[in-house]
């Protein structure tokens, strides 16, 4: 029987390939048998601590063996795991703990110190597990604090609650462009289907060594672990300080698959890559934004044997589309077609299907559609709505994810990202995609990173503003960028203003923080009004 639950992915691989490498972290190495044994012990300890079915377990740690063990053990014990980005600060972490009523927190002593003054607001919190030693200064009424070894000694359960694939497995908090982050509720079916789908089109197998550099709180980052488990591959955990550290680990660990977001790819593309990486890197993937064509070209020069996969996804549906490597040269701007076991539609506001090349909203249906936003029926109703094409006579309404992203589909069925509805620039009566402006500026070779957005303007409606980081060691040539744009795009698309920042702000998932930039420059044209 094929795995139906998240932790079954591990148990299945432990049964079929018990001695295969499953997890690597620095000098620590675990076979599938060892990993499964440890996860089972942690699951038993969770039950011994009194964890009940569907209670939430927050994991506030960097990527290390205990993090992966706790994710899968929570699943096995019938709980819901909530991976918290280790880059978040205490106020953000405590918001998550309160919002999803976390009953057990796993973290380190130093991280607990940063949270200490706010934990009394987390009324549902009952147990804190530290992966290192307990500081005797820690004491909160009603909360047990255990070190890792004491926690493991709680293991006394040989059976766990009955769970099925429609039960909740995880809550992943999105960074959010405005307001507080939203908790996306994912079922076991969502996660197992996603892992199998991605492993299928990437051709993952037991011999793969997949490097996990993105946070597990990010669905794209967590996918590196779940995809490895689904295919019996080895997941190599890494927290990097500098991009060159990623290159070093790729070489030392003979990595075959690497996933990253555009800001990291831009940095990696500018480094020297040892030729030996080209001998073992089988593929690399991009999601979380469009990879600039110049960056993709540089990466393909570094590792010509590796196949690039350009992908599009959203946490609410995990992953939606991918472009097969053989289509890269003929359709470099496409986000591809739907991943296996998903259907992606392009529709008008009234839900009717768009014609070829007609922009519309991307709607995703199928087993990957999440269960909504935790404790937020209003936002859930905005994004999770009836599927546009309902089967006549179907007694229950199928729910799809309406992405809020504008795309178009060509006559061959390939999709092209236009922009988010809330990011499209309305200038001089035209709708302009910021992605299109950014791609032209990347092609100029005059900037390292670029963000385009619209700012309120008394005459234009919105003016196109570009914030750019210069090429390392150079001064940004704003006039040169403007002149290049004038030769490559119509007048209404040429930026009205270019601002230089040495380093663009990032959100915790490593993406450029567009909202922070918009807020910083939102009053740029107020003096002209």
Protein backbone atom coordinates (compact mmCIF):
# COMPACT_ATOMS: atom_id res chain seq x y z
CA UNK A 1 0.00 0.00 0.00
CA UNK A 2 1.39 3.41 -0.97
CA UNK A 3 1.94 5.98 1.79
CA UNK A 4 -1.14 8.07 2.60
CA UNK A 5 0.20 9.99 5.61
CA UNK A 6 3.24 12.26 5.82
CA UNK A 7 5.26 10.07 8.18
CA UNK A 8 4.38 7.02 6.06
CA UNK A 9 6.73 8.41 3.41
CA UNK A 10 9.59 7.82 5.86
CA UNK A 11 8.35 4.42 7.04
CA UNK A 12 7.84 3.21 3.48
CA UNK A 13 11.39 4.14 2.46
CA UNK A 14 12.73 2.62 5.70
CA UNK A 15 11.01 -0.63 4.75
CA UNK A 16 12.09 -0.71 1.10
CA UNK A 17 15.60 0.78 1.42
CA UNK A 18 16.54 0.45 5.12
CA UNK A 19 20.26 1.06 4.72
CA UNK A 20 20.03 3.94 2.24
CA UNK A 21 21.17 7.39 3.47
CA UNK A 22 18.17 9.46 4.57
CA UNK A 23 19.50 12.56 6.32
CA UNK A 24 22.81 14.40 6.57
CA UNK A 25 23.67 17.39 8.72
CA UNK A 26 27.31 18.47 8.87
CA UNK A 27 29.09 15.33 10.14
CA UNK A 28 25.90 13.50 11.20
CA UNK A 29 24.49 10.82 8.89
CA UNK A 30 21.34 8.73 9.29
CA UNK A 31 20.12 5.76 7.29
CA UNK A 32 16.41 5.35 6.76
CA UNK A 33 16.32 2.71 9.50
CA UNK A 34 18.07 5.03 11.97
CA UNK A 35 15.95 8.01 11.02
CA UNK A 36 12.68 6.06 11.35
CA UNK A 37 13.73 4.67 14.75
CA UNK A 38 14.53 8.14 16.06
CA UNK A 39 11.27 9.64 14.71
CA UNK A 40 9.26 6.85 16.33
CA UNK A 41 10.94 7.51 19.69
CA UNK A 42 10.23 11.25 19.42
CA UNK A 43 6.58 10.52 18.50
CA UNK A 44 6.28 8.29 21.55
CA UNK A 45 7.79 11.05 23.71
CA UNK A 46 5.24 13.53 22.37
CA UNK A 47 2.43 11.19 23.35
CA UNK A 48 4.10 10.68 26.73
CA UNK A 49 4.04 14.43 27.24
CA UNK A 50 0.28 14.36 26.79
CA UNK A 51 0.01 15.57 23.18
CA UNK A 52 -3.51 14.96 21.93
CA UNK A 53 -4.70 14.37 18.38
CA UNK A 54 -4.58 17.54 16.22
CA UNK A 55 -2.90 19.67 18.90
CA UNK A 56 -0.28 22.06 17.53
CA UNK A 57 3.47 21.62 17.96
CA UNK A 58 5.61 24.64 17.06
CA UNK A 59 9.20 24.03 15.95
CA UNK A 60 11.36 27.13 16.29
CA UNK A 61 14.76 25.83 15.20
CA UNK A 62 17.16 26.03 12.26
CA UNK A 63 17.47 23.03 9.95
CA UNK A 64 19.02 20.22 12.00
CA UNK A 65 18.14 16.57 12.71
CA UNK A 66 15.84 17.40 15.65
CA UNK A 67 13.84 19.72 13.39
CA UNK A 68 13.20 17.02 10.79
CA UNK A 69 12.53 14.42 13.49
CA UNK A 70 9.97 16.62 15.22
CA UNK A 71 8.12 17.38 11.97
CA UNK A 72 7.62 13.70 11.19
CA UNK A 73 7.13 12.64 14.81
CA UNK A 74 4.33 15.17 15.28
CA UNK A 75 2.66 13.67 12.22
CA UNK A 76 3.09 10.16 13.60
CA UNK A 77 1.73 11.14 17.02
CA UNK A 78 -1.39 12.64 15.42
CA UNK A 79 -0.48 16.27 16.06
CA UNK A 80 -0.13 19.25 13.74
CA UNK A 81 3.35 20.66 13.23
CA UNK A 82 3.93 24.39 12.87
CA UNK A 83 7.44 25.15 11.58
CA UNK A 84 8.45 28.67 12.64
CA UNK A 85 11.05 30.46 10.56
CA UNK A 86 14.22 30.74 12.69
CA UNK A 87 14.78 34.23 11.28
CA UNK A 88 11.63 35.58 12.98
CA UNK A 89 11.88 37.72 16.09
CA UNK A 90 10.07 37.20 19.39
CA UNK A 91 6.97 39.30 18.61
CA UNK A 92 6.39 37.45 15.32
CA UNK A 93 6.97 34.05 16.92
CA UNK A 94 4.62 34.73 19.82
CA UNK A 95 1.94 35.90 17.38
CA UNK A 96 2.12 32.49 15.66
CA UNK A 97 2.10 30.60 18.97
CA UNK A 98 -1.03 32.45 20.08
CA UNK A 99 -2.77 32.44 16.71
CA UNK A 100 -2.77 28.66 16.28
CA UNK A 101 -3.00 27.81 19.99
CA UNK A 102 0.30 25.94 20.22
CA UNK A 103 0.41 23.47 23.12
CA UNK A 104 4.03 22.31 22.75
CA UNK A 105 7.06 24.34 21.64
CA UNK A 106 10.39 22.88 20.56
CA UNK A 107 13.30 25.32 20.52
CA UNK A 108 16.74 26.03 21.97
CA UNK A 109 17.76 27.71 25.22
CA UNK A 110 18.97 30.89 23.49
CA UNK A 111 15.76 31.19 21.47
CA UNK A 112 13.66 30.61 24.57
CA UNK A 113 15.51 33.52 26.22
CA UNK A 114 14.32 35.82 23.43
CA UNK A 115 10.70 34.66 23.84
CA UNK A 116 10.62 34.57 27.62
CA UNK A 117 8.87 37.84 28.40
CA UNK A 118 6.05 37.11 25.93
CA UNK A 119 5.26 33.46 26.64
CA UNK A 120 2.83 34.30 29.41
CA UNK A 121 0.50 35.52 26.63
CA UNK A 122 0.44 32.02 25.08
CA UNK A 123 -2.29 30.55 27.25
CA UNK A 124 -2.44 27.19 25.43
CA UNK A 125 1.27 26.44 25.82
CA UNK A 126 1.83 23.50 28.17
CA UNK A 127 5.28 22.09 27.36
CA UNK A 128 8.56 23.56 26.11
CA UNK A 129 11.22 21.14 24.86
CA UNK A 130 14.78 22.44 24.55
CA UNK A 131 17.25 20.62 22.33
CA UNK A 132 20.02 21.65 24.73
CA UNK A 133 20.19 22.10 28.50
CA UNK A 134 17.51 23.77 30.60
CA UNK A 135 18.41 27.02 32.30
CA UNK A 136 17.21 26.91 35.91
CA UNK A 137 16.22 30.57 35.61
CA UNK A 138 13.36 29.52 33.32
CA UNK A 139 10.10 29.12 35.16
CA UNK A 140 6.57 29.86 34.04
CA UNK A 141 3.42 28.77 35.85
CA UNK A 142 1.67 25.92 34.11
CA UNK A 143 4.48 25.21 31.61
CA UNK A 144 6.81 22.20 31.82
CA UNK A 145 10.31 22.81 30.47
CA UNK A 146 12.28 19.72 29.42
CA UNK A 147 15.69 19.22 27.89
CA UNK A 148 15.99 16.85 24.94
CA UNK A 149 17.11 13.79 26.89
CA UNK A 150 14.46 14.22 29.56
CA UNK A 151 11.90 14.65 26.80
CA UNK A 152 12.97 11.42 25.08
CA UNK A 153 12.61 9.58 28.40
CA UNK A 154 8.88 10.41 28.24
CA UNK A 155 8.57 7.83 25.45
CA UNK A 156 6.11 5.21 26.69
CA UNK A 157 3.59 4.88 23.89
CA UNK A 158 3.51 1.98 21.44
CA UNK A 159 0.35 3.06 19.62
CA UNK A 160 -0.82 6.40 18.27
CA UNK A 161 -4.20 7.97 17.42
CA UNK A 162 -5.92 6.92 14.22
CA UNK A 163 -5.46 9.58 11.55
CA UNK A 164 -6.48 9.67 7.90
CA UNK A 165 -5.25 11.60 4.90
CA UNK A 166 -7.85 14.36 5.25
CA UNK A 167 -6.67 15.19 8.78
CA UNK A 168 -4.56 18.32 9.25
CA UNK A 169 -0.81 17.69 9.14
CA UNK A 170 0.70 21.18 9.22
CA UNK A 171 0.08 24.90 9.44
CA UNK A 172 2.53 27.02 7.45
CA UNK A 173 2.54 30.74 8.06
CA UNK A 174 2.98 32.92 5.01
CA UNK A 175 5.09 36.04 5.39
CA UNK A 176 2.21 38.21 4.15
CA UNK A 177 2.60 41.35 2.04
CA UNK A 178 0.29 43.28 4.37
CA UNK A 179 -0.93 42.72 7.90
CA UNK A 180 -0.21 39.68 10.05
CA UNK A 181 0.92 36.37 8.53
CA UNK A 182 -1.75 33.83 7.66
CA UNK A 183 -1.60 30.19 8.70
CA UNK A 184 -2.18 27.94 5.69
CA UNK A 185 -3.73 24.66 6.84
CA UNK A 186 -2.41 21.59 5.01
CA UNK A 187 -3.70 18.04 5.19
CA UNK A 188 -1.71 14.82 4.92
CA UNK A 189 -3.25 14.40 1.48
CA UNK A 190 -1.94 17.83 0.44
CA UNK A 191 1.58 17.06 1.57
CA UNK A 192 1.87 13.49 0.31
CA UNK A 193 0.34 14.37 -3.06
CA UNK A 194 2.73 17.32 -3.37
CA UNK A 195 5.79 15.24 -2.49
CA UNK A 196 4.89 12.52 -5.00
CA UNK A 197 4.00 15.01 -7.73
CA UNK A 198 7.28 16.92 -7.48
CA UNK A 199 9.34 13.73 -7.18
CA UNK A 200 7.64 12.46 -10.34
CA UNK A 201 8.47 15.38 -12.62
CA UNK A 202 11.96 15.86 -11.18
CA UNK A 203 12.64 12.15 -11.58
CA UNK A 204 13.88 11.87 -7.99
CA UNK A 205 15.30 8.50 -6.96
CA UNK A 206 17.23 6.78 -4.20
CA UNK A 207 20.57 7.99 -5.52
CA UNK A 208 19.68 11.68 -5.24
CA UNK A 209 21.23 13.94 -2.64
CA UNK A 210 18.97 16.98 -2.23
CA UNK A 211 20.36 20.09 -0.54
CA UNK A 212 17.86 21.89 1.73
CA UNK A 213 18.93 25.53 2.11
CA UNK A 214 15.49 27.19 2.37
CA UNK A 215 13.59 27.29 5.69
CA UNK A 216 11.16 24.47 6.45
CA UNK A 217 8.55 27.09 7.33
CA UNK A 218 8.47 27.87 3.60
CA UNK A 219 6.50 25.25 1.63
CA UNK A 220 9.17 25.25 -1.08
CA UNK A 221 11.85 24.61 1.57
CA UNK A 222 9.85 21.88 3.32
CA UNK A 223 9.36 20.22 -0.06
CA UNK A 224 13.06 19.32 -0.21
CA UNK A 225 12.58 17.07 2.83
CA UNK A 226 9.25 15.54 1.80
CA UNK A 227 10.33 14.95 -1.80
CA UNK A 228 13.48 13.20 -0.60
CA UNK A 229 11.40 10.95 1.67
CA UNK A 230 8.94 10.15 -1.12
CA UNK A 231 11.73 8.98 -3.42
CA UNK A 232 14.07 7.37 -0.87
CA UNK A 233 16.69 10.05 -1.51
CA UNK A 234 19.02 11.72 1.00
CA UNK A 235 18.18 15.20 2.30
CA UNK A 236 21.22 17.28 3.24
CA UNK A 237 20.35 19.98 5.79
CA UNK A 238 22.15 23.32 5.64
CA UNK A 239 21.99 26.76 7.22
CA UNK A 240 24.19 29.08 5.17
CA UNK A 241 25.70 32.44 6.01
CA UNK A 242 27.20 33.25 2.62
CA UNK A 243 26.24 32.02 -0.87
CA UNK A 244 29.73 30.61 -1.34
CA UNK A 245 28.96 28.24 1.56
CA UNK A 246 26.24 26.70 -0.61
CA UNK A 247 28.78 26.10 -3.39
CA UNK A 248 31.18 24.51 -0.92
CA UNK A 249 28.57 22.09 0.47
CA UNK A 250 27.30 21.23 -3.00
CA UNK A 251 30.81 20.11 -3.92
CA UNK A 252 31.61 18.32 -0.67
CA UNK A 253 28.28 16.48 -0.42
CA UNK A 254 27.97 15.60 -4.13
CA UNK A 255 24.58 17.27 -4.32
CA UNK A 256 22.33 16.20 -7.21
CA UNK A 257 19.42 18.63 -6.67
CA UNK A 258 19.27 22.23 -5.46
CA UNK A 259 16.24 24.49 -4.95
CA UNK A 260 16.52 28.25 -4.38
CA UNK A 261 14.68 31.55 -4.82
CA UNK A 262 15.74 34.28 -7.29
CA UNK A 263 17.74 36.46 -4.85
CA UNK A 264 19.93 33.49 -3.92
CA UNK A 265 20.27 32.32 -7.53
CA UNK A 266 21.41 35.81 -8.53
CA UNK A 267 24.17 35.66 -5.93
CA UNK A 268 25.17 32.08 -6.75
CA UNK A 269 25.36 32.84 -10.47
CA UNK A 270 28.03 35.48 -9.85
CA UNK A 271 30.38 33.07 -8.03
CA UNK A 272 32.93 30.64 -9.39
CA UNK A 273 31.67 27.07 -9.44
CA UNK A 274 34.11 24.13 -9.25
CA UNK A 275 33.89 22.06 -12.42
CA UNK A 276 33.28 18.93 -10.35
CA UNK A 277 29.77 20.13 -9.42
CA UNK A 278 28.77 19.73 -13.06
CA UNK A 279 29.63 16.04 -12.75
CA UNK A 280 26.96 15.32 -10.12
CA UNK A 281 24.37 18.17 -10.05
CA UNK A 282 21.43 16.67 -11.95
CA UNK A 283 18.93 19.55 -11.69
CA UNK A 284 18.24 22.89 -10.09
CA UNK A 285 14.84 24.47 -9.46
CA UNK A 286 13.48 27.98 -9.05
CA UNK A 287 10.27 29.20 -7.43
CA UNK A 288 9.18 32.18 -5.34
CA UNK A 289 9.52 34.63 -8.24
CA UNK A 290 10.87 34.81 -11.75
CA UNK A 291 14.53 34.03 -12.29
CA UNK A 292 16.17 36.69 -14.52
CA UNK A 293 17.20 35.33 -17.91
CA UNK A 294 20.76 36.58 -17.40
CA UNK A 295 20.98 34.62 -14.15
CA UNK A 296 19.60 31.47 -15.76
CA UNK A 297 22.12 31.79 -18.59
CA UNK A 298 25.01 32.15 -16.14
CA UNK A 299 23.88 29.10 -14.14
CA UNK A 300 23.62 27.00 -17.29
CA UNK A 301 27.18 27.97 -18.13
CA UNK A 302 28.35 26.90 -14.66
CA UNK A 303 26.58 23.51 -14.79
CA UNK A 304 25.66 22.67 -18.40
CA UNK A 305 24.80 19.09 -17.47
CA UNK A 306 22.17 20.13 -14.90
CA UNK A 307 18.56 20.53 -15.98
CA UNK A 308 16.80 23.75 -14.89
CA UNK A 309 13.19 23.55 -13.71
CA UNK A 310 11.33 26.86 -13.56
CA UNK A 311 8.31 26.58 -11.32
CA UNK A 312 5.38 28.57 -10.01
CA UNK A 313 3.51 27.90 -6.80
CA UNK A 314 1.63 29.32 -3.87
CA UNK A 315 1.49 27.99 -0.31
CA UNK A 316 -2.30 27.58 -0.62
CA UNK A 317 -1.78 24.96 -3.34
CA UNK A 318 1.86 24.02 -2.69
CA UNK A 319 3.03 23.93 -6.31
CA UNK A 320 0.99 24.63 -9.43
CA UNK A 321 3.14 24.56 -12.56
CA UNK A 322 6.59 23.73 -13.89
CA UNK A 323 8.37 24.22 -17.21
CA UNK A 324 10.15 21.09 -18.50
CA UNK A 325 13.84 21.76 -19.19
CA UNK A 326 13.45 20.91 -22.87
CA UNK A 327 11.10 23.91 -23.21
CA UNK A 328 13.50 26.44 -21.64
CA UNK A 329 15.05 27.66 -24.87
CA UNK A 330 11.81 27.94 -26.84
CA UNK A 331 9.67 29.33 -23.97
CA UNK A 332 12.07 31.04 -21.54
CA UNK A 333 9.32 33.29 -20.11
CA UNK A 334 6.81 30.52 -19.44
CA UNK A 335 5.92 29.03 -16.04
CA UNK A 336 4.95 25.83 -17.85
CA UNK A 337 1.93 23.65 -17.35
CA UNK A 338 0.21 22.07 -14.35
CA UNK A 339 2.21 19.65 -12.23
CA UNK A 340 1.03 16.01 -12.09
CA UNK A 341 -2.34 15.50 -10.37
CA UNK A 342 -3.38 19.16 -10.55
CA UNK A 343 -5.50 21.25 -12.88
CA UNK A 344 -4.76 24.91 -13.48
CA UNK A 345 -7.31 27.20 -15.13
CA UNK A 346 -7.15 30.76 -16.45
CA UNK A 347 -10.46 32.52 -15.92
CA UNK A 348 -12.14 35.91 -16.11
CA UNK A 349 -13.63 37.63 -13.06
CA UNK A 350 -16.96 35.84 -13.69
CA UNK A 351 -15.25 32.43 -13.78
CA UNK A 352 -15.58 31.87 -17.53
CA UNK A 353 -12.46 30.51 -19.26
CA UNK A 354 -10.09 32.93 -20.99
CA UNK A 355 -9.15 32.56 -24.62
CA UNK A 356 -5.57 31.93 -25.73
CA UNK A 357 -3.28 34.85 -24.80
CA UNK A 358 -6.07 36.54 -22.82
CA UNK A 359 -4.90 37.49 -19.29
CA UNK A 360 -6.94 36.10 -16.43
CA UNK A 361 -6.70 34.81 -12.88
CA UNK A 362 -4.93 31.51 -12.23
CA UNK A 363 -7.21 29.07 -10.40
CA UNK A 364 -5.87 25.77 -9.04
CA UNK A 365 -8.01 22.72 -8.27
CA UNK A 366 -7.24 19.25 -7.01
CA UNK A 367 -5.74 17.34 -4.09
CA UNK A 368 -3.14 20.04 -3.43
CA UNK A 369 -5.69 22.72 -2.50
CA UNK A 370 -5.18 23.59 1.18
CA UNK A 371 -7.94 23.56 3.80
CA UNK A 372 -7.97 27.34 4.25
CA UNK A 373 -6.41 29.85 6.64
CA UNK A 374 -6.29 28.93 10.30
CA UNK A 375 -8.82 30.78 12.43
CA UNK A 376 -9.63 33.22 9.61
CA UNK A 377 -12.91 32.46 7.79
CA UNK A 378 -13.01 35.91 6.15
CA UNK A 379 -9.65 35.60 4.38
CA UNK A 380 -10.40 31.97 3.60
CA UNK A 381 -13.60 32.98 1.80
CA UNK A 382 -11.66 35.52 -0.29
CA UNK A 383 -9.15 32.99 -1.64
CA UNK A 384 -10.87 29.57 -1.38
CA UNK A 385 -13.96 29.73 -3.57
CA UNK A 386 -16.10 27.39 -5.69
CA UNK A 387 -14.30 25.85 -8.64
CA UNK A 388 -15.25 27.73 -11.85
CA UNK A 389 -16.23 24.59 -13.76
CA UNK A 390 -18.53 22.51 -11.57
CA UNK A 391 -19.79 19.16 -12.81
CA UNK A 392 -23.55 19.37 -13.35
CA UNK A 393 -25.43 17.41 -10.72
CA UNK A 394 -22.56 17.41 -8.21
CA UNK A 395 -24.31 17.72 -4.83
CA UNK A 396 -21.35 19.29 -2.99
CA UNK A 397 -19.40 22.32 -4.14
CA UNK A 398 -15.75 21.75 -5.04
CA UNK A 399 -13.44 24.41 -3.64
CA UNK A 400 -10.49 25.76 -5.63
CA UNK A 401 -7.74 28.28 -4.86
CA UNK A 402 -8.15 31.58 -6.67
CA UNK A 403 -4.54 32.72 -6.65
CA UNK A 404 -4.91 36.45 -7.21
CA UNK A 405 -2.19 36.12 -9.86
CA UNK A 406 -2.76 37.21 -13.45
CA UNK A 407 -1.46 34.80 -16.09
CA UNK A 408 -2.07 34.03 -19.74
CA UNK A 409 -2.08 30.74 -21.65
CA UNK A 410 -0.78 30.32 -25.21
CA UNK A 411 -2.38 28.12 -27.87
CA UNK A 412 -0.21 25.16 -26.83
CA UNK A 413 -1.36 25.46 -23.22
CA UNK A 414 1.80 26.96 -21.71
CA UNK A 415 1.25 29.56 -19.02
CA UNK A 416 2.93 32.95 -18.60
CA UNK A 417 2.98 34.95 -15.36
CA UNK A 418 1.80 38.54 -15.80
CA UNK A 419 1.70 39.75 -12.20
CA UNK A 420 -0.22 39.74 -8.96
CA UNK A 421 -3.48 41.66 -9.14
CA UNK A 422 -2.35 43.79 -6.20
CA UNK A 423 1.08 44.43 -7.75
CA UNK A 424 0.06 45.37 -11.29
CA UNK A 425 1.02 48.96 -12.10
CA UNK A 426 -1.73 51.18 -13.57
CA UNK A 427 0.06 54.00 -15.36
CA UNK A 428 -1.15 56.37 -18.09
CA UNK A 429 -4.19 54.15 -18.63
CA UNK A 430 -2.07 51.00 -19.12
CA UNK A 431 -1.62 47.93 -16.93
CA UNK A 432 2.07 47.13 -16.63
CA UNK A 433 3.59 43.99 -15.16
CA UNK A 434 6.45 44.80 -12.78
CA UNK A 435 8.05 41.50 -13.77
CA UNK A 436 8.32 42.65 -17.38
CA UNK A 437 10.03 45.90 -16.37
CA UNK A 438 12.44 44.03 -14.09
CA UNK A 439 13.37 41.54 -16.82
CA UNK A 440 14.35 44.33 -19.22
CA UNK A 441 16.57 45.97 -16.60
CA UNK A 442 18.22 42.64 -15.74
CA UNK A 443 18.97 42.22 -19.44
CA UNK A 444 20.86 45.54 -19.39
CA UNK A 445 23.49 44.05 -17.11
CA UNK A 446 23.57 47.32 -15.14
CA UNK A 447 22.01 46.08 -11.88
CA UNK A 448 22.39 43.09 -9.62
CA UNK A 449 18.85 43.04 -8.18
CA UNK A 450 15.77 44.94 -9.30
CA UNK A 451 12.26 45.61 -8.00
CA UNK A 452 9.64 47.62 -9.91
CA UNK A 453 6.37 48.87 -8.43
CA UNK A 454 3.81 51.64 -8.86
CA UNK A 455 3.62 54.75 -6.67
CA UNK A 456 0.67 57.16 -6.63
CA UNK A 457 1.25 60.05 -9.07
CA UNK A 458 -0.99 63.12 -9.69
CA UNK A 459 -0.76 62.88 -13.49
CA UNK A 460 0.06 59.27 -14.36
CA UNK A 461 -2.20 57.57 -11.82
CA UNK A 462 0.82 55.52 -10.80
CA UNK A 463 4.45 56.14 -11.71
CA UNK A 464 6.82 53.24 -12.24
CA UNK A 465 9.54 53.27 -9.61
CA UNK A 466 12.52 50.94 -9.72
CA UNK A 467 14.73 50.14 -6.74
CA UNK A 468 17.98 48.51 -7.81
CA UNK A 469 21.12 47.17 -6.19
CA UNK A 470 24.33 47.87 -8.16
CA UNK A 471 26.68 45.25 -9.50
CA UNK A 472 29.20 44.47 -6.78
CA UNK A 473 32.05 47.00 -6.80
CA UNK A 474 30.22 49.42 -9.11
CA UNK A 475 28.01 52.50 -8.81
CA UNK A 476 24.48 52.19 -10.17
CA UNK A 477 24.16 53.88 -13.57
CA UNK A 478 20.56 55.10 -13.34
CA UNK A 479 20.78 57.17 -16.54
CA UNK A 480 22.16 54.16 -18.41
CA UNK A 481 19.28 52.00 -17.21
CA UNK A 482 16.73 54.60 -18.35
CA UNK A 483 18.37 54.86 -21.78
CA UNK A 484 18.41 51.07 -22.12
CA UNK A 485 14.71 50.90 -21.18
CA UNK A 486 13.82 53.54 -23.77
CA UNK A 487 15.32 51.35 -26.44
CA UNK A 488 13.59 48.18 -25.28
CA UNK A 489 10.06 49.15 -24.20
CA UNK A 490 7.25 51.60 -24.98
CA UNK A 491 7.40 55.02 -23.33
CA UNK A 492 4.63 54.28 -20.80
CA UNK A 493 6.71 51.38 -19.39
CA UNK A 494 9.93 53.37 -18.91
CA UNK A 495 10.58 53.94 -15.16
CA UNK A 496 9.86 57.44 -13.90
CA UNK A 497 12.37 57.11 -11.09
CA UNK A 498 15.26 54.80 -10.19
CA UNK A 499 16.49 54.52 -6.62
CA UNK A 500 19.74 52.85 -5.58
CA UNK A 501 19.99 50.62 -2.52
CA UNK A 502 23.18 48.71 -1.82
CA UNK A 503 21.16 45.80 -0.43
CA UNK A 504 17.48 45.08 -0.99
CA UNK A 505 15.40 43.98 2.02
CA UNK A 506 14.42 40.31 2.32
CA UNK A 507 11.54 38.58 4.02
CA UNK A 508 12.26 35.51 6.20
CA UNK A 509 11.94 33.14 3.22
CA UNK A 510 14.71 34.92 1.33
CA UNK A 511 12.44 36.69 -1.15
CA UNK A 512 12.80 40.42 -1.78
CA UNK A 513 10.39 42.26 0.51
CA UNK A 514 8.39 44.28 -2.01
CA UNK A 515 6.00 45.65 0.57
CA UNK A 516 8.85 47.10 2.66
CA UNK A 517 10.22 48.86 -0.43
CA UNK A 518 6.79 50.20 -1.35
CA UNK A 519 6.31 51.60 2.14
CA UNK A 520 9.75 53.21 2.06
CA UNK A 521 9.12 55.06 -1.21
CA UNK A 522 5.33 55.48 -1.16
CA UNK A 523 5.53 59.26 -0.65
CA UNK A 524 8.09 59.85 -3.39
CA UNK A 525 5.79 62.00 -5.55
CA UNK A 526 3.77 63.75 -2.84
CA UNK A 527 5.59 67.06 -3.41
CA UNK A 528 4.42 67.11 -7.03
CA UNK A 529 0.74 66.91 -6.11
